[in-house]
């Protein structure tokens, strides 16, 4: 079609793989190739942090194409710690989306997290929330996410990541 529009001869190289998308095995092979190309040995493609978090979560938890270890190997990650953290971050994103946009599948609304630039604020508080020992952990998590939602509605609010850092330091880490 591009050649028709420009009247210039165009070509590109393509590889046709005899894979069947209806099988999880072939779908997994395609995902491994994608990760190798995007995150692999040549030139890395910088994912938006929310897109990276979503890809990890979607591949491992939703589609169940790979285990954490298989994803680690295919993406070239040094260990599984960051991948497990991305899954925890995705769960926080999902909780946040359920709070601000109830109804429907929160997986289909991950773009909200990207548009709101939630990666910084959520990364700032994730480990503190994950390590809470309180019986009120669920209520505290919801309160923090509601606070973040309120921050994101204020037009004159300071940096949400800095605010989450202060919340963590002065409130969440205090007994």
N, C-alpha and C. Protein backbone atom coordinates (compact mmCIF):
# COMPACT_ATOMS: atom_id res chain seq x y z
N UNK A 1 0.82 -1.18 0.00
CA UNK A 1 0.00 0.00 0.00
C UNK A 1 0.87 1.25 0.00
N UNK A 2 1.96 1.25 0.78
CA UNK A 2 2.84 2.41 0.85
C UNK A 2 3.43 2.71 -0.52
N UNK A 3 3.81 1.68 -1.24
CA UNK A 3 4.37 1.87 -2.58
C UNK A 3 3.34 2.53 -3.50
N UNK A 4 2.09 2.14 -3.38
CA UNK A 4 1.03 2.72 -4.20
C UNK A 4 0.86 4.20 -3.89
N UNK A 5 0.94 4.57 -2.61
CA UNK A 5 0.76 5.96 -2.21
C UNK A 5 1.91 6.85 -2.68
N UNK A 6 3.13 6.34 -2.66
CA UNK A 6 4.30 7.18 -2.97
C UNK A 6 4.82 7.00 -4.39
N UNK A 7 4.37 5.95 -5.07
CA UNK A 7 4.88 5.60 -6.40
C UNK A 7 6.38 5.35 -6.41
N UNK A 8 6.92 4.98 -5.26
CA UNK A 8 8.33 4.62 -5.15
C UNK A 8 8.42 3.13 -4.83
N UNK A 9 9.34 2.42 -5.47
CA UNK A 9 9.49 0.99 -5.16
C UNK A 9 9.90 0.82 -3.69
N UNK A 10 9.21 -0.04 -2.99
CA UNK A 10 9.49 -0.30 -1.57
C UNK A 10 9.60 -1.80 -1.36
N UNK A 11 10.47 -2.18 -0.43
CA UNK A 11 10.57 -3.59 -0.06
C UNK A 11 11.04 -3.69 1.37
N UNK A 12 10.78 -4.82 1.99
CA UNK A 12 11.29 -5.10 3.31
C UNK A 12 11.48 -6.60 3.44
N UNK A 13 12.39 -6.98 4.33
CA UNK A 13 12.65 -8.39 4.56
C UNK A 13 11.69 -8.90 5.62
N UNK A 14 11.21 -10.10 5.44
CA UNK A 14 10.30 -10.72 6.40
C UNK A 14 10.64 -12.19 6.52
N UNK A 15 10.37 -12.71 7.67
CA UNK A 15 10.54 -14.14 7.92
C UNK A 15 9.17 -14.70 8.27
N UNK A 16 8.77 -15.73 7.57
CA UNK A 16 7.50 -16.39 7.84
C UNK A 16 7.79 -17.61 8.69
N UNK A 17 7.19 -17.64 9.86
CA UNK A 17 7.41 -18.76 10.77
C UNK A 17 6.19 -19.68 10.74
N UNK A 18 6.41 -20.96 10.64
CA UNK A 18 5.28 -21.91 10.62
C UNK A 18 4.76 -22.16 12.04
N UNK A 19 4.15 -21.14 12.63
CA UNK A 19 3.66 -21.25 14.00
C UNK A 19 2.14 -21.18 14.01
N UNK A 20 1.57 -21.79 15.02
CA UNK A 20 0.12 -21.84 15.16
C UNK A 20 -0.26 -21.06 16.42
N UNK A 21 -0.90 -19.91 16.26
CA UNK A 21 -1.26 -19.06 17.40
C UNK A 21 -2.30 -19.70 18.31
N UNK A 22 -2.93 -20.74 17.87
CA UNK A 22 -3.94 -21.37 18.71
C UNK A 22 -3.32 -22.27 19.78
N UNK A 23 -2.00 -22.46 19.73
CA UNK A 23 -1.35 -23.26 20.75
C UNK A 23 -0.51 -22.37 21.65
N UNK A 24 -0.53 -22.64 22.94
CA UNK A 24 0.25 -21.85 23.90
C UNK A 24 1.74 -22.00 23.63
N UNK A 25 2.18 -23.15 23.16
CA UNK A 25 3.60 -23.37 22.90
C UNK A 25 4.09 -22.41 21.83
N UNK A 26 3.37 -22.30 20.72
CA UNK A 26 3.80 -21.40 19.65
C UNK A 26 3.62 -19.94 20.06
N UNK A 27 2.58 -19.64 20.82
CA UNK A 27 2.39 -18.28 21.31
C UNK A 27 3.55 -17.89 22.22
N UNK A 28 4.02 -18.87 23.01
CA UNK A 28 5.16 -18.64 23.88
C UNK A 28 6.43 -18.38 23.06
N UNK A 29 6.63 -19.13 21.99
CA UNK A 29 7.80 -18.91 21.12
C UNK A 29 7.78 -17.52 20.53
N UNK A 30 6.61 -17.06 20.10
CA UNK A 30 6.48 -15.72 19.54
C UNK A 30 6.83 -14.67 20.60
N UNK A 31 6.36 -14.87 21.82
CA UNK A 31 6.67 -13.93 22.90
C UNK A 31 8.16 -13.91 23.18
N UNK A 32 8.80 -15.06 23.17
CA UNK A 32 10.25 -15.12 23.39
C UNK A 32 11.00 -14.36 22.30
N UNK A 33 10.57 -14.52 21.05
CA UNK A 33 11.18 -13.77 19.95
C UNK A 33 10.98 -12.27 20.13
N UNK A 34 9.78 -11.88 20.51
CA UNK A 34 9.48 -10.46 20.73
C UNK A 34 10.39 -9.88 21.82
N UNK A 35 10.51 -10.60 22.94
CA UNK A 35 11.36 -10.13 24.03
C UNK A 35 12.81 -10.05 23.60
N UNK A 36 13.25 -11.04 22.83
CA UNK A 36 14.62 -11.04 22.36
C UNK A 36 14.88 -9.83 21.47
N UNK A 37 13.92 -9.50 20.62
CA UNK A 37 14.09 -8.35 19.73
C UNK A 37 13.99 -7.03 20.48
N UNK A 38 13.04 -6.91 21.40
CA UNK A 38 12.82 -5.65 22.09
C UNK A 38 13.82 -5.40 23.20
N UNK A 39 14.17 -6.45 23.92
CA UNK A 39 15.03 -6.28 25.09
C UNK A 39 16.38 -6.95 24.93
N UNK A 40 16.59 -7.53 23.78
CA UNK A 40 17.72 -8.43 23.60
C UNK A 40 19.05 -7.81 23.29
N UNK A 41 19.78 -8.54 22.48
CA UNK A 41 21.19 -8.30 22.29
C UNK A 41 21.53 -7.10 21.40
N UNK A 42 20.70 -6.78 20.48
CA UNK A 42 20.99 -5.68 19.56
C UNK A 42 20.80 -4.35 20.29
N UNK A 43 19.86 -3.59 19.87
CA UNK A 43 19.58 -2.30 20.50
C UNK A 43 18.31 -2.42 21.31
N UNK A 44 18.39 -2.04 22.56
CA UNK A 44 17.22 -2.14 23.43
C UNK A 44 16.17 -1.12 23.03
N UNK A 45 14.92 -1.56 23.11
CA UNK A 45 13.79 -0.66 22.91
C UNK A 45 13.32 -0.26 24.30
N UNK A 46 13.30 1.03 24.57
CA UNK A 46 12.88 1.48 25.89
C UNK A 46 11.37 1.46 26.00
N UNK A 47 10.89 0.55 26.84
CA UNK A 47 9.48 0.48 27.14
C UNK A 47 9.14 1.66 28.06
N UNK A 48 7.94 2.19 27.92
CA UNK A 48 7.42 3.05 28.96
C UNK A 48 7.32 2.16 30.20
N UNK A 49 7.66 2.67 31.39
CA UNK A 49 7.63 1.79 32.58
C UNK A 49 6.28 1.10 32.80
N UNK A 50 5.18 1.80 32.54
CA UNK A 50 3.87 1.18 32.71
C UNK A 50 3.66 0.09 31.66
N UNK A 51 4.12 0.32 30.44
CA UNK A 51 4.02 -0.71 29.39
C UNK A 51 4.83 -1.95 29.77
N UNK A 52 6.01 -1.73 30.36
CA UNK A 52 6.84 -2.85 30.80
C UNK A 52 6.13 -3.64 31.89
N UNK A 53 5.58 -2.92 32.87
CA UNK A 53 4.87 -3.57 33.97
C UNK A 53 3.69 -4.37 33.43
N UNK A 54 2.94 -3.75 32.51
CA UNK A 54 1.80 -4.44 31.92
C UNK A 54 2.25 -5.68 31.15
N UNK A 55 3.33 -5.57 30.38
CA UNK A 55 3.80 -6.71 29.59
C UNK A 55 4.18 -7.88 30.49
N UNK A 56 4.90 -7.60 31.57
CA UNK A 56 5.28 -8.66 32.50
C UNK A 56 4.02 -9.31 33.08
N UNK A 57 3.11 -8.49 33.58
CA UNK A 57 1.89 -9.01 34.20
C UNK A 57 1.04 -9.79 33.20
N UNK A 58 0.85 -9.21 32.03
CA UNK A 58 0.01 -9.85 31.02
C UNK A 58 0.61 -11.19 30.57
N UNK A 59 1.91 -11.21 30.34
CA UNK A 59 2.57 -12.44 29.88
C UNK A 59 2.53 -13.55 30.92
N UNK A 60 2.79 -13.18 32.18
CA UNK A 60 2.92 -14.19 33.24
C UNK A 60 1.59 -14.51 33.92
N UNK A 61 0.83 -13.48 34.28
CA UNK A 61 -0.37 -13.69 35.08
C UNK A 61 -1.65 -13.87 34.26
N UNK A 62 -1.80 -13.10 33.17
CA UNK A 62 -3.05 -13.16 32.41
C UNK A 62 -2.98 -14.24 31.34
N UNK A 63 -2.04 -14.12 30.43
CA UNK A 63 -1.93 -15.09 29.33
C UNK A 63 -1.29 -16.40 29.75
N UNK A 64 -0.52 -16.36 30.83
CA UNK A 64 0.19 -17.53 31.35
C UNK A 64 1.07 -18.18 30.26
N UNK A 65 1.72 -17.31 29.49
CA UNK A 65 2.61 -17.80 28.44
C UNK A 65 3.95 -18.27 29.00
N UNK A 66 4.39 -17.64 30.06
CA UNK A 66 5.70 -17.95 30.63
C UNK A 66 5.62 -17.92 32.14
N UNK A 67 6.59 -18.58 32.76
CA UNK A 67 6.78 -18.45 34.19
C UNK A 67 7.69 -17.23 34.41
N UNK A 68 7.85 -16.84 35.65
CA UNK A 68 8.75 -15.73 35.98
C UNK A 68 10.16 -16.07 35.51
N UNK A 69 10.58 -17.28 35.74
CA UNK A 69 11.93 -17.70 35.34
C UNK A 69 12.10 -17.70 33.82
N UNK A 70 11.10 -18.18 33.11
CA UNK A 70 11.17 -18.17 31.63
C UNK A 70 11.22 -16.73 31.11
N UNK A 71 10.44 -15.84 31.72
CA UNK A 71 10.45 -14.44 31.31
C UNK A 71 11.83 -13.84 31.57
N UNK A 72 12.40 -14.17 32.72
CA UNK A 72 13.74 -13.68 33.07
C UNK A 72 14.76 -14.07 32.00
N UNK A 73 14.74 -15.33 31.62
CA UNK A 73 15.68 -15.81 30.61
C UNK A 73 15.45 -15.14 29.26
N UNK A 74 14.19 -15.07 28.84
CA UNK A 74 13.87 -14.51 27.52
C UNK A 74 14.16 -13.01 27.45
N UNK A 75 14.01 -12.30 28.57
CA UNK A 75 14.22 -10.85 28.56
C UNK A 75 15.66 -10.48 28.87
N UNK A 76 16.45 -11.45 29.33
CA UNK A 76 17.85 -11.16 29.64
C UNK A 76 18.03 -10.51 31.00
N UNK A 77 17.01 -10.56 31.84
CA UNK A 77 17.11 -9.98 33.19
C UNK A 77 18.10 -10.81 34.01
N UNK A 78 18.80 -10.15 34.91
CA UNK A 78 19.79 -10.84 35.73
C UNK A 78 19.18 -11.77 36.75
N UNK A 79 18.02 -11.37 37.30
CA UNK A 79 17.34 -12.22 38.28
C UNK A 79 15.84 -11.97 38.19
N UNK A 80 15.10 -12.66 39.03
CA UNK A 80 13.63 -12.56 38.97
C UNK A 80 13.08 -11.47 39.90
N UNK A 81 13.93 -10.84 40.68
CA UNK A 81 13.48 -9.84 41.65
C UNK A 81 12.71 -8.70 40.98
N UNK A 82 13.24 -8.14 39.92
CA UNK A 82 12.57 -7.04 39.23
C UNK A 82 11.28 -7.48 38.56
N UNK A 83 11.25 -8.70 38.06
CA UNK A 83 10.04 -9.22 37.41
C UNK A 83 8.94 -9.41 38.44
N UNK A 84 9.28 -9.95 39.59
CA UNK A 84 8.29 -10.11 40.66
C UNK A 84 7.81 -8.75 41.16
N UNK A 85 8.70 -7.77 41.20
CA UNK A 85 8.31 -6.41 41.60
C UNK A 85 7.34 -5.82 40.57
N UNK A 86 7.60 -6.05 39.29
CA UNK A 86 6.69 -5.55 38.26
C UNK A 86 5.30 -6.16 38.40
N UNK A 87 5.23 -7.41 38.81
CA UNK A 87 3.93 -8.05 39.03
C UNK A 87 3.22 -7.39 40.21
N UNK A 88 3.96 -7.11 41.29
CA UNK A 88 3.36 -6.41 42.44
C UNK A 88 2.91 -5.01 42.04
N UNK A 89 3.72 -4.31 41.24
CA UNK A 89 3.34 -2.98 40.76
C UNK A 89 2.08 -3.05 39.90
N UNK A 90 2.00 -4.06 39.05
CA UNK A 90 0.81 -4.22 38.22
C UNK A 90 -0.43 -4.43 39.08
N UNK A 91 -0.29 -5.18 40.16
CA UNK A 91 -1.42 -5.37 41.06
C UNK A 91 -1.84 -4.05 41.72
N UNK A 92 -0.87 -3.19 42.04
CA UNK A 92 -1.21 -1.87 42.56
C UNK A 92 -1.91 -1.03 41.50
N UNK A 93 -1.43 -1.10 40.27
CA UNK A 93 -2.08 -0.37 39.17
C UNK A 93 -3.52 -0.84 39.03
N UNK A 94 -3.74 -2.14 39.06
CA UNK A 94 -5.09 -2.69 38.93
C UNK A 94 -5.98 -2.21 40.06
N UNK A 95 -5.45 -2.21 41.27
CA UNK A 95 -6.23 -1.70 42.42
C UNK A 95 -6.57 -0.23 42.23
N UNK A 96 -5.59 0.55 41.78
CA UNK A 96 -5.81 1.97 41.53
C UNK A 96 -6.89 2.18 40.48
N UNK A 97 -6.80 1.43 39.40
CA UNK A 97 -7.79 1.56 38.31
C UNK A 97 -9.18 1.19 38.81
N UNK A 98 -9.28 0.16 39.62
CA UNK A 98 -10.59 -0.23 40.18
C UNK A 98 -11.18 0.89 41.04
N UNK A 99 -10.30 1.65 41.73
CA UNK A 99 -10.77 2.76 42.56
C UNK A 99 -11.25 3.93 41.71
N UNK A 100 -10.50 4.27 40.66
CA UNK A 100 -10.85 5.48 39.90
C UNK A 100 -11.78 5.22 38.73
N UNK A 101 -11.86 3.96 38.29
CA UNK A 101 -12.70 3.64 37.13
C UNK A 101 -13.34 2.27 37.32
N UNK A 102 -14.30 2.19 38.24
CA UNK A 102 -14.92 0.89 38.50
C UNK A 102 -15.68 0.37 37.28
N UNK A 103 -15.82 -0.92 37.23
CA UNK A 103 -16.53 -1.55 36.12
C UNK A 103 -15.58 -1.90 35.00
N UNK A 104 -15.89 -2.92 34.29
CA UNK A 104 -15.04 -3.36 33.20
C UNK A 104 -13.78 -4.05 33.71
N UNK A 105 -12.97 -4.46 32.78
CA UNK A 105 -11.73 -5.15 33.12
C UNK A 105 -10.60 -4.13 33.29
N UNK A 106 -10.00 -4.05 34.48
CA UNK A 106 -8.93 -3.07 34.69
C UNK A 106 -7.73 -3.29 33.77
N UNK A 107 -7.53 -4.51 33.29
CA UNK A 107 -6.43 -4.80 32.37
C UNK A 107 -6.60 -3.97 31.09
N UNK A 108 -7.84 -3.75 30.68
CA UNK A 108 -8.11 -2.97 29.48
C UNK A 108 -7.92 -1.47 29.71
N UNK A 109 -7.67 -1.07 30.94
CA UNK A 109 -7.54 0.35 31.27
C UNK A 109 -6.14 0.72 31.74
N UNK A 110 -5.16 -0.11 31.45
CA UNK A 110 -3.78 0.18 31.88
C UNK A 110 -3.28 1.51 31.30
N UNK A 111 -3.86 1.92 30.18
CA UNK A 111 -3.46 3.19 29.57
C UNK A 111 -3.67 4.35 30.55
N UNK A 112 -4.63 4.24 31.47
CA UNK A 112 -4.85 5.29 32.46
C UNK A 112 -3.62 5.49 33.33
N UNK A 113 -2.99 4.38 33.72
CA UNK A 113 -1.78 4.46 34.53
C UNK A 113 -0.65 5.13 33.77
N UNK A 114 -0.56 4.84 32.49
CA UNK A 114 0.47 5.48 31.66
C UNK A 114 0.17 6.97 31.51
N UNK A 115 -1.08 7.30 31.21
CA UNK A 115 -1.45 8.71 31.03
C UNK A 115 -1.26 9.51 32.31
N UNK A 116 -1.51 8.89 33.45
CA UNK A 116 -1.36 9.58 34.74
C UNK A 116 0.07 9.52 35.28
N UNK A 117 0.94 8.82 34.54
CA UNK A 117 2.34 8.69 34.95
C UNK A 117 2.46 8.16 36.39
N UNK A 118 1.85 7.01 36.61
CA UNK A 118 1.82 6.42 37.94
C UNK A 118 3.07 5.62 38.30
N UNK A 119 3.94 5.38 37.32
CA UNK A 119 5.10 4.53 37.60
C UNK A 119 5.94 5.07 38.75
N UNK A 120 6.29 6.34 38.73
CA UNK A 120 7.12 6.91 39.80
C UNK A 120 6.48 6.82 41.17
N UNK A 121 5.24 7.36 41.32
CA UNK A 121 4.61 7.29 42.65
C UNK A 121 4.42 5.85 43.15
N UNK A 122 4.00 4.94 42.28
CA UNK A 122 3.78 3.57 42.72
C UNK A 122 5.09 2.86 43.03
N UNK A 123 6.13 3.10 42.23
CA UNK A 123 7.43 2.50 42.52
C UNK A 123 7.96 3.00 43.86
N UNK A 124 7.65 4.25 44.18
CA UNK A 124 8.13 4.84 45.44
C UNK A 124 7.55 4.13 46.66
N UNK A 125 6.29 3.71 46.60
CA UNK A 125 5.64 3.14 47.78
C UNK A 125 5.49 1.62 47.76
N UNK A 126 5.78 0.99 46.62
CA UNK A 126 5.51 -0.45 46.48
C UNK A 126 6.18 -1.29 47.55
N UNK A 127 7.47 -1.11 47.78
CA UNK A 127 8.15 -1.99 48.74
C UNK A 127 7.65 -1.75 50.16
N UNK A 128 7.34 -0.50 50.50
CA UNK A 128 6.83 -0.21 51.83
C UNK A 128 5.48 -0.87 52.04
N UNK A 129 4.60 -0.74 51.05
CA UNK A 129 3.29 -1.40 51.15
C UNK A 129 3.45 -2.91 51.20
N UNK A 130 4.33 -3.45 50.36
CA UNK A 130 4.54 -4.89 50.32
C UNK A 130 5.05 -5.42 51.66
N UNK A 131 5.83 -4.62 52.37
CA UNK A 131 6.43 -5.07 53.63
C UNK A 131 5.62 -4.70 54.87
N UNK A 132 4.45 -4.08 54.69
CA UNK A 132 3.62 -3.74 55.85
C UNK A 132 3.23 -5.00 56.61
N UNK A 133 3.31 -4.91 57.92
CA UNK A 133 2.96 -6.06 58.77
C UNK A 133 1.64 -5.82 59.50
N UNK A 134 0.99 -4.72 59.24
CA UNK A 134 -0.23 -4.34 59.93
C UNK A 134 -1.42 -5.21 59.53
N UNK A 135 -2.33 -5.40 60.47
CA UNK A 135 -3.60 -6.07 60.16
C UNK A 135 -4.43 -5.21 59.21
N UNK A 136 -4.10 -3.95 59.14
CA UNK A 136 -4.82 -2.98 58.31
C UNK A 136 -4.15 -2.77 56.94
N UNK A 137 -3.32 -3.71 56.52
CA UNK A 137 -2.56 -3.54 55.28
C UNK A 137 -3.45 -3.22 54.08
N UNK A 138 -4.56 -3.92 53.93
CA UNK A 138 -5.45 -3.69 52.79
C UNK A 138 -6.07 -2.30 52.85
N UNK A 139 -6.53 -1.89 54.03
CA UNK A 139 -7.13 -0.56 54.19
C UNK A 139 -6.08 0.53 53.99
N UNK A 140 -4.88 0.31 54.48
CA UNK A 140 -3.80 1.29 54.30
C UNK A 140 -3.47 1.41 52.81
N UNK A 141 -3.39 0.30 52.12
CA UNK A 141 -3.10 0.32 50.68
C UNK A 141 -4.17 1.11 49.94
N UNK A 142 -5.43 0.85 50.24
CA UNK A 142 -6.51 1.59 49.59
C UNK A 142 -6.43 3.08 49.91
N UNK A 143 -6.12 3.43 51.17
CA UNK A 143 -6.01 4.84 51.56
C UNK A 143 -4.88 5.53 50.80
N UNK A 144 -3.77 4.85 50.64
CA UNK A 144 -2.63 5.42 49.89
C UNK A 144 -3.03 5.63 48.43
N UNK A 145 -3.72 4.67 47.84
CA UNK A 145 -4.13 4.80 46.44
C UNK A 145 -5.18 5.88 46.25
N UNK A 146 -6.09 6.04 47.22
CA UNK A 146 -7.06 7.13 47.16
C UNK A 146 -6.33 8.46 47.26
N UNK A 147 -5.35 8.54 48.14
CA UNK A 147 -4.55 9.76 48.27
C UNK A 147 -3.86 10.09 46.94
N UNK A 148 -3.32 9.08 46.29
CA UNK A 148 -2.67 9.29 45.00
C UNK A 148 -3.68 9.77 43.96
N UNK A 149 -4.87 9.20 43.97
CA UNK A 149 -5.91 9.64 43.03
C UNK A 149 -6.26 11.11 43.26
N UNK A 150 -6.37 11.50 44.52
CA UNK A 150 -6.66 12.90 44.83
C UNK A 150 -5.52 13.79 44.35
N UNK A 151 -4.29 13.37 44.58
CA UNK A 151 -3.13 14.14 44.10
C UNK A 151 -3.19 14.36 42.59
N UNK A 152 -3.59 13.32 41.88
CA UNK A 152 -3.61 13.39 40.42
C UNK A 152 -4.76 14.27 39.91
N UNK A 153 -5.73 14.58 40.76
CA UNK A 153 -6.82 15.45 40.31
C UNK A 153 -6.51 16.92 40.54
N UNK A 154 -5.53 17.21 41.40
CA UNK A 154 -5.16 18.60 41.68
C UNK A 154 -4.26 19.12 40.56
N UNK A 155 -4.62 20.24 40.00
CA UNK A 155 -3.82 20.80 38.92
C UNK A 155 -2.56 21.47 39.44
N UNK A 156 -2.59 21.99 40.65
CA UNK A 156 -1.42 22.70 41.18
C UNK A 156 -0.63 21.85 42.17
N UNK A 157 -0.86 20.54 42.17
CA UNK A 157 -0.18 19.68 43.14
C UNK A 157 1.30 19.53 42.79
N UNK A 158 2.09 19.33 43.83
CA UNK A 158 3.51 19.10 43.59
C UNK A 158 3.70 17.70 43.02
N UNK A 159 4.89 17.36 42.78
CA UNK A 159 5.24 16.07 42.19
C UNK A 159 4.68 14.92 43.03
N UNK A 160 3.89 14.06 42.42
CA UNK A 160 3.24 12.95 43.13
C UNK A 160 4.26 11.95 43.68
N UNK A 161 5.37 11.76 42.97
CA UNK A 161 6.40 10.84 43.47
C UNK A 161 6.98 11.38 44.76
N UNK A 162 7.26 12.65 44.80
CA UNK A 162 7.81 13.27 46.02
C UNK A 162 6.78 13.18 47.15
N UNK A 163 5.52 13.39 46.84
CA UNK A 163 4.47 13.30 47.84
C UNK A 163 4.38 11.88 48.41
N UNK A 164 4.49 10.88 47.52
CA UNK A 164 4.46 9.48 47.98
C UNK A 164 5.69 9.18 48.84
N UNK A 165 6.83 9.76 48.49
CA UNK A 165 8.05 9.57 49.28
C UNK A 165 7.84 10.14 50.69
N UNK A 166 7.24 11.33 50.78
CA UNK A 166 6.96 11.92 52.08
C UNK A 166 5.95 11.08 52.87
N UNK A 167 4.91 10.61 52.19
CA UNK A 167 3.91 9.76 52.83
C UNK A 167 4.57 8.50 53.40
N UNK A 168 5.45 7.92 52.63
CA UNK A 168 6.17 6.71 53.07
C UNK A 168 7.04 7.02 54.28
N UNK A 169 7.82 8.09 54.18
CA UNK A 169 8.80 8.42 55.22
C UNK A 169 8.13 8.85 56.53
N UNK A 170 7.13 9.71 56.44
CA UNK A 170 6.57 10.32 57.64
C UNK A 170 5.35 9.60 58.19
N UNK A 171 4.73 8.73 57.40
CA UNK A 171 3.52 8.05 57.89
C UNK A 171 3.67 6.53 57.85
N UNK A 172 3.91 5.97 56.67
CA UNK A 172 3.89 4.51 56.53
C UNK A 172 5.01 3.82 57.31
N UNK A 173 6.17 4.46 57.42
CA UNK A 173 7.29 3.82 58.11
C UNK A 173 7.31 4.12 59.60
N UNK A 174 6.34 4.85 60.08
CA UNK A 174 6.25 5.15 61.51
C UNK A 174 5.33 4.14 62.17
N UNK A 175 5.73 3.68 63.32
CA UNK A 175 4.88 2.70 64.03
C UNK A 175 3.63 3.36 64.55
